[in-house]
Amino acid sequence: MKKSWLDCLKNGSILLLTLLCCTLFLRIPKLWGRWCDERLLNTPLQRPAVEGMLSPEEKEIPLLNALYKKRYLGGNSTYKSSGEISASEEAQLKEKVSEMIGRLVEAGVIPAELAPGEESFAGEYQLKSDELSGFESIHFEKSRIVVEWHKETGRVIGCQVPTENAEALKDASVLLENYKTYLEIENLDDWKQSDPKNGSVQACWSEKGQAYLHCSGKPNCFEIGIISLPPVEMKKLDG
């Protein structure tokens, strides 16, 4: 009887061990798969560089990132004309625009002799706002002054003022350098002079920042601004 009992115990242990081994082997693929999934999820993947996209470093610059997004977020603007804005809001708006132009003059972006007076902000105007991309602009019809700015940083990305002074562009390269500093993007190290087909325009471009700065003297009008421009469009401009 004793021998038979030991044999049963031995056989039972072998059976139990066999069941445990089978269970373990059945779970190994599942455990391995879970470990592989966790490793994939927790391991950062390097995306390949794509032409026309901002680098991670430039995306950290709010203005450049907003301009880049603006390229793809058009068509979401709302408009208000003079008369649709209260008198107090209109006064604040005109004061804000005047101050922004004043800062451009102080920064050496707009020649001082072109600075508009308060009378330039009289008459009809239209305010354009794009909440999605974060930009606003205003156009004064009588004086032909146009100002566009980034609401988060307060930086002007486009300004047009009337002028009878044909000499305003003689130092355009200096104005563009000052504009880089004003926009706080002077540290981009790949600025190149652009040679656009329109001879009245002086411009420079940074591929890293996808940033195109331009300064022009249209008939009776001085204009300076920045847009986000990919390499393929830049090639078309320089033709």
Protein backbone atom coordinates (compact mmCIF):
# COMPACT_ATOMS: atom_id res chain seq x y z
CA MET A 1 0.00 0.00 0.00
CA LYS A 2 2.78 2.38 0.86
CA LYS A 3 4.51 1.86 -2.48
CA SER A 4 1.27 2.38 -4.34
CA TRP A 5 0.63 5.64 -2.47
CA LEU A 6 4.10 6.97 -3.31
CA ASP A 7 3.61 6.03 -6.94
CA CYS A 8 0.35 7.95 -7.00
CA LEU A 9 1.98 10.98 -5.40
CA LYS A 10 4.83 10.83 -7.86
CA ASN A 11 2.50 10.50 -10.82
CA GLY A 12 0.36 13.34 -9.50
CA SER A 13 3.39 15.61 -9.10
CA ILE A 14 4.48 14.85 -12.63
CA LEU A 15 1.00 15.61 -13.92
CA LEU A 16 0.84 18.86 -11.94
CA LEU A 17 4.28 19.90 -13.18
CA THR A 18 3.24 19.10 -16.73
CA LEU A 19 0.12 21.25 -16.37
CA LEU A 20 2.16 24.14 -14.94
CA CYS A 21 4.68 23.91 -17.79
CA CYS A 22 1.90 23.85 -20.38
CA THR A 23 0.24 26.87 -18.78
CA LEU A 24 3.54 28.73 -18.70
CA PHE A 25 4.34 27.95 -22.32
CA LEU A 26 0.88 29.06 -23.37
CA ARG A 27 1.34 32.40 -21.59
CA ILE A 28 4.84 33.11 -22.93
CA PRO A 29 3.66 34.41 -26.36
CA LYS A 30 1.11 36.68 -24.67
CA LEU A 31 3.68 38.04 -22.20
CA TRP A 32 6.21 38.51 -24.98
CA GLY A 33 3.68 40.35 -27.11
CA ARG A 34 2.73 42.63 -24.21
CA TRP A 35 6.40 43.43 -23.55
CA CYS A 36 6.98 44.23 -27.24
CA ASP A 37 3.90 46.48 -27.35
CA GLU A 38 5.00 48.40 -24.26
CA ARG A 39 8.47 48.82 -25.69
CA LEU A 40 7.11 50.18 -28.96
CA LEU A 41 4.75 52.57 -27.18
CA ASN A 42 7.43 53.90 -24.84
CA THR A 43 10.22 54.25 -27.40
CA PRO A 44 10.18 57.62 -29.22
CA LEU A 45 10.38 57.25 -32.97
CA GLN A 46 12.31 59.68 -35.13
CA ARG A 47 10.15 60.99 -37.95
CA PRO A 48 11.91 61.46 -41.27
CA ALA A 49 12.49 65.08 -42.25
CA VAL A 50 9.97 66.28 -44.83
CA GLU A 51 10.68 69.24 -47.07
CA GLY A 52 8.51 72.19 -46.19
CA MET A 53 8.00 71.28 -42.54
CA LEU A 54 9.26 73.22 -39.55
CA SER A 55 11.96 71.58 -37.45
CA PRO A 56 11.12 70.89 -33.76
CA GLU A 57 13.36 73.81 -32.75
CA GLU A 58 11.54 76.34 -34.94
CA LYS A 59 8.15 75.03 -33.81
CA GLU A 60 9.09 76.27 -30.35
CA ILE A 61 9.08 79.85 -31.70
CA PRO A 62 5.40 80.93 -31.33
CA LEU A 63 5.35 83.35 -34.26
CA LEU A 64 6.98 80.96 -36.74
CA ASN A 65 4.74 78.11 -35.65
CA ALA A 66 1.63 80.29 -36.01
CA LEU A 67 2.68 81.47 -39.48
CA TYR A 68 3.33 77.88 -40.51
CA LYS A 69 -0.15 76.84 -39.35
CA LYS A 70 -1.66 79.88 -41.09
CA ARG A 71 -0.60 78.34 -44.42
CA TYR A 72 -3.10 75.54 -43.86
CA LEU A 73 -5.81 77.20 -41.78
CA GLY A 74 -7.16 79.79 -44.19
CA GLY A 75 -10.81 80.53 -44.86
CA ASN A 76 -11.91 80.86 -41.23
CA SER A 77 -11.98 84.63 -40.95
CA THR A 78 -14.68 86.93 -39.59
CA TYR A 79 -15.09 90.55 -40.63
CA LYS A 80 -16.34 93.71 -38.95
CA SER A 81 -16.72 97.08 -40.60
CA SER A 82 -16.66 100.50 -38.99
CA GLY A 83 -20.08 101.04 -37.46
CA GLU A 84 -20.27 97.47 -36.18
CA ILE A 85 -17.85 98.26 -33.37
CA SER A 86 -18.69 100.41 -30.35
CA ALA A 87 -17.08 103.82 -30.03
CA SER A 88 -14.99 102.76 -27.02
CA GLU A 89 -13.77 99.57 -28.74
CA GLU A 90 -12.95 101.55 -31.87
CA ALA A 91 -10.89 104.05 -29.89
CA GLN A 92 -8.95 101.22 -28.23
CA LEU A 93 -8.42 99.50 -31.58
CA LYS A 94 -7.05 102.63 -33.27
CA GLU A 95 -4.80 103.34 -30.30
CA LYS A 96 -3.49 99.78 -30.47
CA VAL A 97 -2.76 100.04 -34.20
CA SER A 98 -1.04 103.39 -33.72
CA GLU A 99 1.15 101.94 -30.96
CA MET A 100 2.09 98.92 -33.10
CA ILE A 101 3.16 101.16 -35.98
CA GLY A 102 5.04 103.33 -33.48
CA ARG A 103 7.00 100.30 -32.28
CA LEU A 104 7.88 99.44 -35.89
CA VAL A 105 9.23 102.97 -36.34
CA GLU A 106 11.20 102.76 -33.07
CA ALA A 107 12.66 99.41 -34.16
CA GLY A 108 13.83 100.91 -37.46
CA VAL A 109 11.47 98.75 -39.51
CA ILE A 110 9.50 101.67 -40.98
CA PRO A 111 11.29 104.91 -41.88
CA ALA A 112 10.29 107.65 -39.44
CA GLU A 113 9.19 109.95 -42.25
CA LEU A 114 6.51 107.43 -43.23
CA ALA A 115 4.91 107.22 -39.79
CA PRO A 116 1.20 108.07 -40.21
CA GLY A 117 -0.51 110.67 -38.05
CA GLU A 118 -3.76 110.24 -36.13
CA GLU A 119 -5.75 111.61 -39.06
CA SER A 120 -4.72 108.57 -41.09
CA PHE A 121 -6.98 106.38 -38.96
CA ALA A 122 -10.13 108.35 -39.75
CA GLY A 123 -12.87 107.12 -42.06
CA GLU A 124 -14.11 103.67 -43.02
CA TYR A 125 -12.16 100.56 -42.08
CA GLN A 126 -12.53 96.79 -41.97
CA LEU A 127 -11.31 94.50 -39.20
CA LYS A 128 -10.48 90.90 -40.06
CA SER A 129 -10.04 88.28 -37.34
CA ASP A 130 -9.00 84.65 -37.58
CA GLU A 131 -9.38 82.90 -34.24
CA LEU A 132 -8.11 79.59 -35.62
CA SER A 133 -4.69 80.82 -36.71
CA GLY A 134 -4.51 83.69 -34.20
CA PHE A 135 -4.09 86.72 -36.50
CA GLU A 136 -5.94 90.00 -36.95
CA SER A 137 -5.70 92.76 -39.53
CA ILE A 138 -7.22 96.14 -40.19
CA HIS A 139 -7.57 98.08 -43.44
CA PHE A 140 -8.26 101.82 -43.45
CA GLU A 141 -9.84 102.54 -46.82
CA LYS A 142 -9.14 106.27 -47.11
CA SER A 143 -5.48 106.27 -46.04
CA ARG A 144 -4.78 102.78 -47.48
CA ILE A 145 -3.04 101.77 -44.27
CA VAL A 146 -3.08 98.02 -43.63
CA VAL A 147 -1.72 96.33 -40.50
CA GLU A 148 -1.78 92.62 -39.66
CA TRP A 149 -0.56 91.21 -36.37
CA HIS A 150 -0.20 88.01 -34.33
CA LYS A 151 -2.44 88.28 -31.30
CA GLU A 152 -0.34 86.09 -28.98
CA THR A 153 2.96 87.91 -29.45
CA GLY A 154 1.64 91.29 -30.63
CA ARG A 155 4.14 91.27 -33.50
CA VAL A 156 3.17 92.90 -36.77
CA ILE A 157 3.50 90.46 -39.67
CA GLY A 158 2.46 92.95 -42.35
CA CYS A 159 2.28 96.71 -42.63
CA GLN A 160 1.42 98.95 -45.57
CA VAL A 161 1.58 102.74 -45.40
CA PRO A 162 1.20 105.33 -48.15
CA THR A 163 4.25 107.27 -49.27
CA GLU A 164 5.33 109.79 -51.85
CA ASN A 165 8.97 109.24 -50.90
CA ALA A 166 10.71 107.13 -53.53
CA GLU A 167 13.84 107.06 -51.33
CA ALA A 168 12.12 105.05 -48.63
CA LEU A 169 13.54 101.80 -49.98
CA LYS A 170 17.14 102.89 -50.35
CA ASP A 171 18.00 101.15 -47.06
CA ALA A 172 15.64 98.18 -47.51
CA SER A 173 18.31 95.66 -46.49
CA VAL A 174 18.75 97.53 -43.19
CA LEU A 175 14.99 97.61 -42.68
CA LEU A 176 14.81 93.84 -43.18
CA GLU A 177 17.62 93.25 -40.67
CA ASN A 178 15.80 95.43 -38.15
CA TYR A 179 12.60 93.54 -38.89
CA LYS A 180 14.27 90.21 -38.06
CA THR A 181 15.30 91.63 -34.69
CA TYR A 182 11.83 93.06 -34.05
CA LEU A 183 10.27 89.64 -34.80
CA GLU A 184 12.92 87.95 -32.60
CA ILE A 185 14.02 85.57 -35.37
CA GLU A 186 17.43 87.08 -36.09
CA ASN A 187 19.13 84.00 -34.63
CA LEU A 188 18.09 81.76 -37.50
CA ASP A 189 21.44 81.01 -39.13
CA ASP A 190 20.39 80.24 -42.70
CA TRP A 191 19.06 83.57 -43.99
CA LYS A 192 19.57 84.03 -47.72
CA GLN A 193 18.94 87.05 -49.87
CA SER A 194 16.12 86.43 -52.30
CA ASP A 195 16.09 87.74 -55.84
CA PRO A 196 12.38 87.83 -56.73
CA LYS A 197 11.21 88.50 -60.28
CA ASN A 198 9.60 91.76 -59.13
CA GLY A 199 12.52 94.18 -59.01
CA SER A 200 10.74 96.54 -56.60
CA VAL A 201 10.88 93.90 -53.86
CA GLN A 202 13.80 93.16 -51.60
CA ALA A 203 13.52 89.97 -49.58
CA CYS A 204 15.28 87.28 -47.58
CA TRP A 205 14.32 83.72 -46.68
CA SER A 206 15.12 81.15 -44.01
CA GLU A 207 14.50 77.51 -44.87
CA LYS A 208 14.72 76.44 -41.22
CA GLY A 209 12.05 78.92 -40.21
CA GLN A 210 10.08 78.71 -43.48
CA ALA A 211 10.13 82.49 -43.15
CA TYR A 212 10.06 84.95 -46.06
CA LEU A 213 10.61 88.62 -45.22
CA HIS A 214 9.83 91.15 -47.92
CA CYS A 215 10.04 94.90 -48.29
CA SER A 216 8.65 96.72 -51.31
CA GLY A 217 7.83 100.10 -52.68
CA LYS A 218 4.66 99.80 -54.71
CA PRO A 219 3.37 102.95 -56.44
CA ASN A 220 2.81 105.46 -53.62
CA CYS A 221 2.97 102.68 -51.04
CA PHE A 222 5.56 101.18 -48.69
CA GLU A 223 5.05 97.60 -47.52
CA ILE A 224 6.96 95.24 -45.25
CA GLY A 225 5.95 91.84 -43.94
CA ILE A 226 6.62 88.16 -43.28
CA ILE A 227 4.90 85.02 -44.52
CA SER A 228 5.54 81.30 -44.09
CA LEU A 229 6.93 79.94 -47.35
CA PRO A 230 8.05 76.38 -48.19
CA PRO A 231 11.05 75.65 -50.45
CA VAL A 232 8.93 74.73 -53.48
CA GLU A 233 7.18 78.12 -53.43
CA MET A 234 10.46 79.91 -52.81
CA LYS A 235 11.89 78.41 -56.00
CA LYS A 236 8.95 79.77 -57.96
CA LEU A 237 9.51 83.28 -56.59
CA ASP A 238 13.19 83.34 -57.47
CA GLY A 239 12.38 81.66 -60.78
